[in-house]
Amino acid sequence: MFRIFRERKGIVLAHLKETLDYYVRLRVAEIEGDMLTVLIGKNSEKLMQKYRLWVAANADLANRERELGRN
């Protein structure tokens, strides 16, 4: 019985870790979509603004993944 509880607890913790970085991943994906839109519109100034946001969001995601023990 305790083995089953430990396994379920592990599954719950794994799902919890997945949800902790969901919004950070979503932000990165949204910025990438914005970058594509701006690239198609050929606005290099706006593209650099989006790129800077993407770099910061990607760094945040990498930090969160490191905190959660992912590679």
PDB file of N, CA and C in Angstrom:
ATOM      1  N   MET A   1       0.823  -1.193   0.000  1.00  0.00           N
ATOM      2  CA  MET A   1       0.000   0.000   0.000  1.00  0.00           C
ATOM      3  C   MET A   1       0.872   1.263   0.000  1.00  0.00           C
ATOM      4  N   PHE A   2       1.940   1.260   0.803  1.00  0.00           N
ATOM      5  CA  PHE A   2       2.808   2.428   0.843  1.00  0.00           C
ATOM      6  C   PHE A   2       3.533   2.630  -0.479  1.00  0.00           C
ATOM      7  N   ARG A   3       3.846   1.534  -1.158  1.00  0.00           N
ATOM      8  CA  ARG A   3       4.513   1.627  -2.456  1.00  0.00           C
ATOM      9  C   ARG A   3       3.614   2.352  -3.461  1.00  0.00           C
ATOM     10  N   ILE A   4       2.338   2.007  -3.465  1.00  0.00           N
ATOM     11  CA  ILE A   4       1.380   2.646  -4.371  1.00  0.00           C
ATOM     12  C   ILE A   4       1.296   4.138  -4.061  1.00  0.00           C
ATOM     13  N   PHE A   5       1.254   4.475  -2.777  1.00  0.00           N
ATOM     14  CA  PHE A   5       1.184   5.879  -2.381  1.00  0.00           C
ATOM     15  C   PHE A   5       2.416   6.632  -2.860  1.00  0.00           C
ATOM     16  N   ARG A   6       3.602   6.048  -2.692  1.00  0.00           N
ATOM     17  CA  ARG A   6       4.835   6.693  -3.139  1.00  0.00           C
ATOM     18  C   ARG A   6       4.832   6.899  -4.642  1.00  0.00           C
ATOM     19  N   GLU A   7       4.371   5.917  -5.383  1.00  0.00           N
ATOM     20  CA  GLU A   7       4.320   6.045  -6.844  1.00  0.00           C
ATOM     21  C   GLU A   7       3.361   7.143  -7.253  1.00  0.00           C
ATOM     22  N   ARG A   8       2.202   7.193  -6.636  1.00  0.00           N
ATOM     23  CA  ARG A   8       1.232   8.246  -6.973  1.00  0.00           C
ATOM     24  C   ARG A   8       1.752   9.608  -6.576  1.00  0.00           C
ATOM     25  N   LYS A   9       2.413   9.684  -5.433  1.00  0.00           N
ATOM     26  CA  LYS A   9       2.990  10.951  -4.993  1.00  0.00           C
ATOM     27  C   LYS A   9       4.031  11.425  -6.014  1.00  0.00           C
ATOM     28  N   GLY A  10       4.831  10.504  -6.528  1.00  0.00           N
ATOM     29  CA  GLY A  10       5.830  10.854  -7.544  1.00  0.00           C
ATOM     30  C   GLY A  10       5.186  11.372  -8.812  1.00  0.00           C
ATOM     31  N   ILE A  11       4.083  10.757  -9.204  1.00  0.00           N
ATOM     32  CA  ILE A  11       3.370  11.192 -10.406  1.00  0.00           C
ATOM     33  C   ILE A  11       2.798  12.595 -10.200  1.00  0.00           C
ATOM     34  N   VAL A  12       2.210  12.827  -9.042  1.00  0.00           N
ATOM     35  CA  VAL A  12       1.648  14.143  -8.741  1.00  0.00           C
ATOM     36  C   VAL A  12       2.742  15.202  -8.739  1.00  0.00           C
ATOM     37  N   LEU A  13       3.882  14.898  -8.130  1.00  0.00           N
ATOM     38  CA  LEU A  13       4.983  15.857  -8.102  1.00  0.00           C
ATOM     39  C   LEU A  13       5.517  16.132  -9.502  1.00  0.00           C
ATOM     40  N   ALA A  14       5.577  15.113 -10.336  1.00  0.00           N
ATOM     41  CA  ALA A  14       6.048  15.301 -11.715  1.00  0.00           C
ATOM     42  C   ALA A  14       5.108  16.239 -12.470  1.00  0.00           C
ATOM     43  N   HIS A  15       3.807  16.063 -12.302  1.00  0.00           N
ATOM     44  CA  HIS A  15       2.844  16.948 -12.966  1.00  0.00           C
ATOM     45  C   HIS A  15       2.933  18.364 -12.419  1.00  0.00           C
ATOM     46  N   LEU A  16       3.155  18.495 -11.126  1.00  0.00           N
ATOM     47  CA  LEU A  16       3.284  19.816 -10.519  1.00  0.00           C
ATOM     48  C   LEU A  16       4.488  20.544 -11.089  1.00  0.00           C
ATOM     49  N   LYS A  17       5.611  19.849 -11.247  1.00  0.00           N
ATOM     50  CA  LYS A  17       6.797  20.464 -11.832  1.00  0.00           C
ATOM     51  C   LYS A  17       6.520  20.909 -13.265  1.00  0.00           C
ATOM     52  N   GLU A  18       5.760  20.127 -14.009  1.00  0.00           N
ATOM     53  CA  GLU A  18       5.430  20.488 -15.386  1.00  0.00           C
ATOM     54  C   GLU A  18       4.630  21.786 -15.425  1.00  0.00           C
ATOM     55  N   THR A  19       3.705  21.963 -14.506  1.00  0.00           N
ATOM     56  CA  THR A  19       2.853  23.147 -14.549  1.00  0.00           C
ATOM     57  C   THR A  19       3.564  24.397 -14.054  1.00  0.00           C
ATOM     58  N   LEU A  20       4.631  24.243 -13.269  1.00  0.00           N
ATOM     59  CA  LEU A  20       5.325  25.411 -12.738  1.00  0.00           C
ATOM     60  C   LEU A  20       5.969  26.254 -13.836  1.00  0.00           C
ATOM     61  N   ASP A  21       6.393  25.616 -14.912  1.00  0.00           N
ATOM     62  CA  ASP A  21       7.043  26.386 -15.964  1.00  0.00           C
ATOM     63  C   ASP A  21       6.163  26.556 -17.208  1.00  0.00           C
ATOM     64  N   TYR A  22       4.908  26.179 -17.117  1.00  0.00           N
ATOM     65  CA  TYR A  22       4.007  26.251 -18.266  1.00  0.00           C
ATOM     66  C   TYR A  22       3.907  27.670 -18.815  1.00  0.00           C
ATOM     67  N   TYR A  23       3.684  28.643 -17.930  1.00  0.00           N
ATOM     68  CA  TYR A  23       3.472  30.016 -18.395  1.00  0.00           C
ATOM     69  C   TYR A  23       4.757  30.645 -18.926  1.00  0.00           C
ATOM     70  N   VAL A  24       5.895  30.211 -18.412  1.00  0.00           N
ATOM     71  CA  VAL A  24       7.164  30.705 -18.945  1.00  0.00           C
ATOM     72  C   VAL A  24       7.360  30.156 -20.354  1.00  0.00           C
ATOM     73  N   ARG A  25       7.073  28.867 -20.544  1.00  0.00           N
ATOM     74  CA  ARG A  25       7.163  28.266 -21.886  1.00  0.00           C
ATOM     75  C   ARG A  25       6.182  28.939 -22.851  1.00  0.00           C
ATOM     76  N   LEU A  26       4.999  29.220 -22.364  1.00  0.00           N
ATOM     77  CA  LEU A  26       3.993  29.887 -23.186  1.00  0.00           C
ATOM     78  C   LEU A  26       4.468  31.271 -23.607  1.00  0.00           C
ATOM     79  N   ARG A  27       5.092  31.993 -22.693  1.00  0.00           N
ATOM     80  CA  ARG A  27       5.599  33.332 -23.014  1.00  0.00           C
ATOM     81  C   ARG A  27       6.657  33.264 -24.111  1.00  0.00           C
ATOM     82  N   VAL A  28       7.565  32.293 -23.998  1.00  0.00           N
ATOM     83  CA  VAL A  28       8.607  32.126 -25.024  1.00  0.00           C
ATOM     84  C   VAL A  28       7.953  31.853 -26.380  1.00  0.00           C
ATOM     85  N   ALA A  29       6.981  30.969 -26.401  1.00  0.00           N
ATOM     86  CA  ALA A  29       6.310  30.627 -27.660  1.00  0.00           C
ATOM     87  C   ALA A  29       5.566  31.831 -28.245  1.00  0.00           C
ATOM     88  N   GLU A  30       4.933  32.620 -27.388  1.00  0.00           N
ATOM     89  CA  GLU A  30       4.221  33.811 -27.874  1.00  0.00           C
ATOM     90  C   GLU A  30       5.189  34.815 -28.484  1.00  0.00           C
ATOM     91  N   ILE A  31       6.321  35.008 -27.839  1.00  0.00           N
ATOM     92  CA  ILE A  31       7.313  35.949 -28.371  1.00  0.00           C
ATOM     93  C   ILE A  31       7.857  35.447 -29.702  1.00  0.00           C
ATOM     94  N   GLU A  32       8.086  34.140 -29.812  1.00  0.00           N
ATOM     95  CA  GLU A  32       8.555  33.582 -31.084  1.00  0.00           C
ATOM     96  C   GLU A  32       7.541  33.836 -32.202  1.00  0.00           C
ATOM     97  N   GLY A  33       6.267  33.684 -31.882  1.00  0.00           N
ATOM     98  CA  GLY A  33       5.224  33.978 -32.866  1.00  0.00           C
ATOM     99  C   GLY A  33       5.210  35.442 -33.255  1.00  0.00           C
ATOM    100  N   ASP A  34       5.385  36.318 -32.259  1.00  0.00           N
ATOM    101  CA  ASP A  34       5.463  37.754 -32.536  1.00  0.00           C
ATOM    102  C   ASP A  34       6.658  38.070 -33.424  1.00  0.00           C
ATOM    103  N   MET A  35       7.781  37.407 -33.155  1.00  0.00           N
ATOM    104  CA  MET A  35       8.983  37.636 -33.957  1.00  0.00           C
ATOM    105  C   MET A  35       8.751  37.245 -35.416  1.00  0.00           C
ATOM    106  N   LEU A  36       8.057  36.155 -35.630  1.00  0.00           N
ATOM    107  CA  LEU A  36       7.761  35.728 -36.999  1.00  0.00           C
ATOM    108  C   LEU A  36       6.879  36.747 -37.707  1.00  0.00           C
ATOM    109  N   THR A  37       5.873  37.235 -37.010  1.00  0.00           N
ATOM    110  CA  THR A  37       4.976  38.234 -37.591  1.00  0.00           C
ATOM    111  C   THR A  37       5.739  39.498 -37.971  1.00  0.00           C
ATOM    112  N   VAL A  38       6.611  39.939 -37.073  1.00  0.00           N
ATOM    113  CA  VAL A  38       7.395  41.151 -37.330  1.00  0.00           C
ATOM    114  C   VAL A  38       8.390  40.915 -38.464  1.00  0.00           C
ATOM    115  N   LEU A  39       8.973  39.727 -38.501  1.00  0.00           N
ATOM    116  CA  LEU A  39       9.920  39.398 -39.566  1.00  0.00           C
ATOM    117  C   LEU A  39       9.246  39.437 -40.936  1.00  0.00           C
ATOM    118  N   ILE A  40       8.047  38.904 -41.003  1.00  0.00           N
ATOM    119  CA  ILE A  40       7.293  38.935 -42.265  1.00  0.00           C
ATOM    120  C   ILE A  40       6.988  40.377 -42.667  1.00  0.00           C
ATOM    121  N   GLY A  41       6.709  41.221 -41.649  1.00  0.00           N
ATOM    122  CA  GLY A  41       6.437  42.638 -41.914  1.00  0.00           C
ATOM    123  C   GLY A  41       7.690  43.458 -42.189  1.00  0.00           C
ATOM    124  N   LYS A  42       8.856  42.836 -42.045  1.00  0.00           N
ATOM    125  CA  LYS A  42      10.153  43.475 -42.352  1.00  0.00           C
ATOM    126  C   LYS A  42      10.402  44.739 -41.530  1.00  0.00           C
ATOM    127  N   ASN A  43      10.105  44.656 -40.239  1.00  0.00           N
ATOM    128  CA  ASN A  43      10.352  45.767 -39.327  1.00  0.00           C
ATOM    129  C   ASN A  43      11.505  45.372 -38.402  1.00  0.00           C
ATOM    130  N   SER A  44      12.723  45.755 -38.786  1.00  0.00           N
ATOM    131  CA  SER A  44      13.908  45.300 -38.060  1.00  0.00           C
ATOM    132  C   SER A  44      14.000  45.877 -36.646  1.00  0.00           C
ATOM    133  N   GLU A  45      13.536  47.095 -36.448  1.00  0.00           N
ATOM    134  CA  GLU A  45      13.579  47.696 -35.110  1.00  0.00           C
ATOM    135  C   GLU A  45      12.672  46.925 -34.143  1.00  0.00           C
ATOM    136  N   LYS A  46      11.477  46.648 -34.585  1.00  0.00           N
ATOM    137  CA  LYS A  46      10.530  45.892 -33.764  1.00  0.00           C
ATOM    138  C   LYS A  46      11.036  44.462 -33.537  1.00  0.00           C
ATOM    139  N   LEU A  47      11.682  43.893 -34.548  1.00  0.00           N
ATOM    140  CA  LEU A  47      12.240  42.546 -34.418  1.00  0.00           C
ATOM    141  C   LEU A  47      13.303  42.508 -33.319  1.00  0.00           C
ATOM    142  N   MET A  48      14.152  43.528 -33.245  1.00  0.00           N
ATOM    143  CA  MET A  48      15.170  43.575 -32.195  1.00  0.00           C
ATOM    144  C   MET A  48      14.540  43.701 -30.816  1.00  0.00           C
ATOM    145  N   GLN A  49      13.451  44.451 -30.713  1.00  0.00           N
ATOM    146  CA  GLN A  49      12.740  44.561 -29.431  1.00  0.00           C
ATOM    147  C   GLN A  49      12.206  43.195 -29.005  1.00  0.00           C
ATOM    148  N   LYS A  50      11.593  42.500 -29.948  1.00  0.00           N
ATOM    149  CA  LYS A  50      11.049  41.173 -29.653  1.00  0.00           C
ATOM    150  C   LYS A  50      12.165  40.182 -29.333  1.00  0.00           C
ATOM    151  N   TYR A  51      13.292  40.316 -30.044  1.00  0.00           N
ATOM    152  CA  TYR A  51      14.426  39.428 -29.801  1.00  0.00           C
ATOM    153  C   TYR A  51      14.960  39.608 -28.378  1.00  0.00           C
ATOM    154  N   ARG A  52      15.052  40.849 -27.929  1.00  0.00           N
ATOM    155  CA  ARG A  52      15.508  41.104 -26.551  1.00  0.00           C
ATOM    156  C   ARG A  52      14.552  40.489 -25.533  1.00  0.00           C
ATOM    157  N   LEU A  53      13.269  40.607 -25.788  1.00  0.00           N
ATOM    158  CA  LEU A  53      12.282  39.978 -24.901  1.00  0.00           C
ATOM    159  C   LEU A  53      12.444  38.460 -24.912  1.00  0.00           C
ATOM    160  N   TRP A  54      12.682  37.909 -26.093  1.00  0.00           N
ATOM    161  CA  TRP A  54      12.847  36.458 -26.241  1.00  0.00           C
ATOM    162  C   TRP A  54      14.076  35.965 -25.481  1.00  0.00           C
ATOM    163  N   VAL A  55      15.177  36.705 -25.574  1.00  0.00           N
ATOM    164  CA  VAL A  55      16.403  36.319 -24.863  1.00  0.00           C
ATOM    165  C   VAL A  55      16.144  36.278 -23.358  1.00  0.00           C
ATOM    166  N   ALA A  56      15.468  37.299 -22.837  1.00  0.00           N
ATOM    167  CA  ALA A  56      15.172  37.351 -21.404  1.00  0.00           C
ATOM    168  C   ALA A  56      14.232  36.220 -20.991  1.00  0.00           C
ATOM    169  N   ALA A  57      13.194  35.975 -21.785  1.00  0.00           N
ATOM    170  CA  ALA A  57      12.238  34.903 -21.468  1.00  0.00           C
ATOM    171  C   ALA A  57      12.902  33.539 -21.566  1.00  0.00           C
ATOM    172  N   ASN A  58      13.767  33.359 -22.543  1.00  0.00           N
ATOM    173  CA  ASN A  58      14.465  32.092 -22.711  1.00  0.00           C
ATOM    174  C   ASN A  58      15.430  31.852 -21.549  1.00  0.00           C
ATOM    175  N   ALA A  59      16.087  32.902 -21.071  1.00  0.00           N
ATOM    176  CA  ALA A  59      16.972  32.783 -19.911  1.00  0.00           C
ATOM    177  C   ALA A  59      16.169  32.417 -18.666  1.00  0.00           C
ATOM    178  N   ASP A  60      14.997  33.023 -18.505  1.00  0.00           N
ATOM    179  CA  ASP A  60      14.124  32.702 -17.375  1.00  0.00           C
ATOM    180  C   ASP A  60      13.703  31.235 -17.434  1.00  0.00           C
ATOM    181  N   LEU A  61      13.361  30.774 -18.615  1.00  0.00           N
ATOM    182  CA  LEU A  61      12.973  29.373 -18.785  1.00  0.00           C
ATOM    183  C   LEU A  61      14.135  28.442 -18.441  1.00  0.00           C
ATOM    184  N   ALA A  62      15.326  28.770 -18.890  1.00  0.00           N
ATOM    185  CA  ALA A  62      16.500  27.939 -18.594  1.00  0.00           C
ATOM    186  C   ALA A  62      16.755  27.885 -17.095  1.00  0.00           C
ATOM    187  N   ASN A  63      16.596  29.016 -16.408  1.00  0.00           N
ATOM    188  CA  ASN A  63      16.774  29.045 -14.958  1.00  0.00           C
ATOM    189  C   ASN A  63      15.741  28.185 -14.254  1.00  0.00           C
ATOM    190  N   ARG A  64      14.500  28.260 -14.693  1.00  0.00           N
ATOM    191  CA  ARG A  64      13.449  27.453 -14.069  1.00  0.00           C
ATOM    192  C   ARG A  64      13.664  25.971 -14.318  1.00  0.00           C
ATOM    193  N   GLU A  65      14.107  25.636 -15.516  1.00  0.00           N
ATOM    194  CA  GLU A  65      14.386  24.234 -15.814  1.00  0.00           C
ATOM    195  C   GLU A  65      15.537  23.728 -14.948  1.00  0.00           C
ATOM    196  N   ARG A  66      16.541  24.555 -14.746  1.00  0.00           N
ATOM    197  CA  ARG A  66      17.650  24.179 -13.897  1.00  0.00           C
ATOM    198  C   ARG A  66      17.173  23.973 -12.456  1.00  0.00           C
ATOM    199  N   GLU A  67      16.306  24.855 -11.973  1.00  0.00           N
ATOM    200  CA  GLU A  67      15.764  24.737 -10.614  1.00  0.00           C
ATOM    201  C   GLU A  67      14.950  23.456 -10.461  1.00  0.00           C
ATOM    202  N   LEU A  68      14.258  23.063 -11.523  1.00  0.00           N
ATOM    203  CA  LEU A  68      13.428  21.865 -11.455  1.00  0.00           C
ATOM    204  C   LEU A  68      14.227  20.598 -11.733  1.00  0.00           C
ATOM    205  N   GLY A  69      15.500  20.749 -12.055  1.00  0.00           N
ATOM    206  CA  GLY A  69      16.349  19.590 -12.270  1.00  0.00           C
ATOM    207  C   GLY A  69      16.243  18.972 -13.636  1.00  0.00           C
ATOM    208  N   ARG A  70      15.866  19.772 -14.631  1.00  0.00           N
ATOM    209  CA  ARG A  70      15.779  19.266 -15.995  1.00  0.00           C
ATOM    210  C   ARG A  70      17.026  19.649 -16.756  1.00  0.00           C
ATOM    211  N   ASN A  71      17.224  18.980 -17.873  1.00  0.00           N
ATOM    212  CA  ASN A  71      18.347  19.333 -18.745  1.00  0.00           C
ATOM    213  C   ASN A  71      17.840  19.788 -20.079  1.00  0.00           C
TER     214      ASN A  71
END
